[in-house]
Amino acid sequence: MCLSIPGKITEINGKDVIVDYNTEKRKAKTLLNVEIGDYVIINGGLIIEKIPKEDAIQALKITQCNQN
């Protein structure tokens, strides 16, 4: 099973986006209607889901606790 961590969109250029994970930035493609500041899940270089900010922050808090 593969778990994904949400990242925040920081740049959009057509269908290409940059997603910031705080530790790194990744390029991805999107077929969804997204905006800068949205939190997303990426799989295989493609945005597969846009998630609510509150859910993303909760997930990020949980993953940060598990890294310590």
N, C-alpha and C. Protein backbone atom coordinates (compact mmCIF):
# COMPACT_ATOMS: atom_id res chain seq x y z
N MET A 1 0.84 -1.18 0.00
CA MET A 1 0.00 0.00 0.00
C MET A 1 0.88 1.24 0.00
N CYS A 2 0.51 2.21 -0.77
CA CYS A 2 1.27 3.45 -0.89
C CYS A 2 0.46 4.59 -0.29
N LEU A 3 1.08 5.34 0.60
CA LEU A 3 0.42 6.49 1.20
C LEU A 3 0.98 7.77 0.59
N SER A 4 0.14 8.72 0.36
CA SER A 4 0.56 9.99 -0.23
C SER A 4 0.41 11.11 0.78
N ILE A 5 1.34 12.04 0.71
CA ILE A 5 1.32 13.20 1.59
C ILE A 5 0.85 14.39 0.76
N PRO A 6 -0.05 15.20 1.28
CA PRO A 6 -0.51 16.35 0.51
C PRO A 6 0.58 17.40 0.34
N GLY A 7 0.56 18.05 -0.80
CA GLY A 7 1.47 19.15 -1.08
C GLY A 7 0.66 20.36 -1.51
N LYS A 8 1.30 21.52 -1.45
CA LYS A 8 0.61 22.79 -1.76
C LYS A 8 1.09 23.32 -3.11
N ILE A 9 0.15 23.66 -3.97
CA ILE A 9 0.50 24.20 -5.28
C ILE A 9 1.07 25.61 -5.12
N THR A 10 2.26 25.82 -5.71
CA THR A 10 2.90 27.13 -5.63
C THR A 10 3.03 27.81 -6.99
N GLU A 11 2.95 27.03 -8.07
CA GLU A 11 3.04 27.60 -9.41
C GLU A 11 2.14 26.82 -10.36
N ILE A 12 1.56 27.54 -11.32
CA ILE A 12 0.74 26.90 -12.35
C ILE A 12 1.14 27.50 -13.70
N ASN A 13 1.40 26.61 -14.65
CA ASN A 13 1.71 27.03 -16.01
C ASN A 13 0.95 26.12 -16.95
N GLY A 14 -0.28 26.49 -17.27
CA GLY A 14 -1.13 25.63 -18.09
C GLY A 14 -1.53 24.39 -17.30
N LYS A 15 -1.17 23.23 -17.82
CA LYS A 15 -1.46 21.96 -17.15
C LYS A 15 -0.31 21.50 -16.26
N ASP A 16 0.81 22.25 -16.25
CA ASP A 16 1.97 21.92 -15.42
C ASP A 16 1.90 22.72 -14.12
N VAL A 17 2.15 22.06 -13.01
CA VAL A 17 2.14 22.73 -11.72
C VAL A 17 3.38 22.35 -10.92
N ILE A 18 3.72 23.19 -9.97
CA ILE A 18 4.77 22.89 -8.99
C ILE A 18 4.09 22.72 -7.65
N VAL A 19 4.38 21.60 -7.00
CA VAL A 19 3.79 21.28 -5.70
C VAL A 19 4.90 21.28 -4.66
N ASP A 20 4.70 22.06 -3.59
CA ASP A 20 5.69 22.21 -2.52
C ASP A 20 5.35 21.28 -1.36
N TYR A 21 6.34 20.48 -0.97
CA TYR A 21 6.20 19.56 0.16
C TYR A 21 7.03 20.00 1.36
N ASN A 22 7.46 21.26 1.39
CA ASN A 22 8.34 21.83 2.42
C ASN A 22 9.76 21.29 2.34
N THR A 23 9.94 20.00 2.11
CA THR A 23 11.28 19.43 1.99
C THR A 23 11.75 19.37 0.54
N GLU A 24 10.81 19.43 -0.38
CA GLU A 24 11.14 19.42 -1.81
C GLU A 24 9.95 19.94 -2.61
N LYS A 25 10.24 20.28 -3.87
CA LYS A 25 9.19 20.69 -4.79
C LYS A 25 9.17 19.71 -5.94
N ARG A 26 7.97 19.38 -6.43
CA ARG A 26 7.82 18.43 -7.53
C ARG A 26 6.95 19.02 -8.62
N LYS A 27 7.27 18.64 -9.85
CA LYS A 27 6.44 19.00 -11.00
C LYS A 27 5.36 17.94 -11.16
N ALA A 28 4.20 18.38 -11.59
CA ALA A 28 3.10 17.44 -11.85
C ALA A 28 2.22 18.02 -12.95
N LYS A 29 1.41 17.17 -13.50
CA LYS A 29 0.41 17.57 -14.49
C LYS A 29 -0.95 17.53 -13.82
N THR A 30 -1.87 18.36 -14.31
CA THR A 30 -3.21 18.34 -13.75
C THR A 30 -4.27 18.36 -14.85
N LEU A 31 -5.31 17.62 -14.60
CA LEU A 31 -6.51 17.68 -15.43
C LEU A 31 -7.65 18.29 -14.64
N LEU A 32 -7.36 18.62 -13.37
CA LEU A 32 -8.35 19.21 -12.47
C LEU A 32 -8.27 20.73 -12.52
N ASN A 33 -9.31 21.39 -12.06
CA ASN A 33 -9.32 22.84 -11.92
C ASN A 33 -8.70 23.18 -10.58
N VAL A 34 -7.43 23.61 -10.59
CA VAL A 34 -6.71 23.91 -9.35
C VAL A 34 -6.21 25.34 -9.38
N GLU A 35 -5.91 25.85 -8.18
CA GLU A 35 -5.40 27.21 -8.02
C GLU A 35 -4.18 27.18 -7.12
N ILE A 36 -3.36 28.22 -7.21
CA ILE A 36 -2.23 28.36 -6.30
C ILE A 36 -2.77 28.39 -4.87
N GLY A 37 -2.15 27.61 -4.00
CA GLY A 37 -2.59 27.52 -2.61
C GLY A 37 -3.40 26.27 -2.32
N ASP A 38 -3.91 25.61 -3.38
CA ASP A 38 -4.66 24.36 -3.17
C ASP A 38 -3.73 23.25 -2.70
N TYR A 39 -4.26 22.35 -1.90
CA TYR A 39 -3.53 21.16 -1.47
C TYR A 39 -3.99 19.98 -2.32
N VAL A 40 -3.01 19.19 -2.77
CA VAL A 40 -3.31 18.11 -3.70
C VAL A 40 -2.53 16.85 -3.33
N ILE A 41 -3.00 15.74 -3.91
CA ILE A 41 -2.31 14.45 -3.84
C ILE A 41 -1.85 14.12 -5.25
N ILE A 42 -0.58 13.70 -5.37
CA ILE A 42 0.00 13.35 -6.65
C ILE A 42 0.31 11.85 -6.67
N ASN A 43 0.07 11.23 -7.83
CA ASN A 43 0.47 9.84 -8.03
C ASN A 43 0.96 9.72 -9.47
N GLY A 44 2.17 9.25 -9.64
CA GLY A 44 2.73 9.08 -10.97
C GLY A 44 2.88 10.38 -11.74
N GLY A 45 3.14 11.48 -11.05
CA GLY A 45 3.32 12.76 -11.72
C GLY A 45 2.04 13.44 -12.15
N LEU A 46 0.90 12.92 -11.68
CA LEU A 46 -0.40 13.49 -12.04
C LEU A 46 -1.19 13.80 -10.78
N ILE A 47 -1.78 14.98 -10.71
CA ILE A 47 -2.63 15.31 -9.57
C ILE A 47 -3.89 14.45 -9.68
N ILE A 48 -4.12 13.65 -8.64
CA ILE A 48 -5.29 12.77 -8.66
C ILE A 48 -6.41 13.26 -7.77
N GLU A 49 -6.09 14.18 -6.86
CA GLU A 49 -7.13 14.66 -5.95
C GLU A 49 -6.75 16.01 -5.37
N LYS A 50 -7.74 16.89 -5.28
CA LYS A 50 -7.61 18.15 -4.55
C LYS A 50 -8.29 17.94 -3.22
N ILE A 51 -7.62 18.30 -2.11
CA ILE A 51 -8.20 18.04 -0.79
C ILE A 51 -8.38 19.35 -0.02
N PRO A 52 -9.35 19.37 0.88
CA PRO A 52 -9.58 20.58 1.68
C PRO A 52 -8.36 20.94 2.53
N LYS A 53 -8.12 22.23 2.68
CA LYS A 53 -6.96 22.73 3.43
C LYS A 53 -6.92 22.14 4.84
N GLU A 54 -8.06 22.08 5.51
CA GLU A 54 -8.09 21.57 6.88
C GLU A 54 -7.64 20.10 6.94
N ASP A 55 -8.07 19.30 5.97
CA ASP A 55 -7.66 17.89 5.92
C ASP A 55 -6.17 17.76 5.65
N ALA A 56 -5.66 18.61 4.75
CA ALA A 56 -4.23 18.58 4.42
C ALA A 56 -3.38 18.94 5.64
N ILE A 57 -3.78 19.99 6.35
CA ILE A 57 -3.02 20.41 7.53
C ILE A 57 -3.04 19.32 8.59
N GLN A 58 -4.17 18.69 8.79
CA GLN A 58 -4.28 17.58 9.75
C GLN A 58 -3.34 16.44 9.36
N ALA A 59 -3.33 16.07 8.09
CA ALA A 59 -2.46 14.99 7.61
C ALA A 59 -0.99 15.35 7.79
N LEU A 60 -0.64 16.61 7.50
CA LEU A 60 0.74 17.04 7.64
C LEU A 60 1.19 17.04 9.09
N LYS A 61 0.29 17.41 10.01
CA LYS A 61 0.62 17.37 11.44
C LYS A 61 0.91 15.94 11.87
N ILE A 62 0.10 15.00 11.41
CA ILE A 62 0.27 13.58 11.78
C ILE A 62 1.60 13.07 11.24
N THR A 63 1.94 13.38 10.00
CA THR A 63 3.18 12.86 9.42
C THR A 63 4.39 13.50 10.07
N GLN A 64 4.30 14.76 10.49
CA GLN A 64 5.42 15.41 11.17
C GLN A 64 5.66 14.78 12.52
N CYS A 65 4.62 14.40 13.23
CA CYS A 65 4.77 13.75 14.54
C CYS A 65 5.45 12.40 14.37
N ASN A 66 5.17 11.68 13.31
CA ASN A 66 5.75 10.38 13.10
C ASN A 66 7.19 10.43 12.63
N GLN A 67 7.68 11.59 12.19
CA GLN A 67 9.05 11.72 11.74
C GLN A 67 10.00 11.98 12.90
N ASN A 68 9.50 12.38 14.04
CA ASN A 68 10.36 12.69 15.20
C ASN A 68 10.65 11.46 16.02
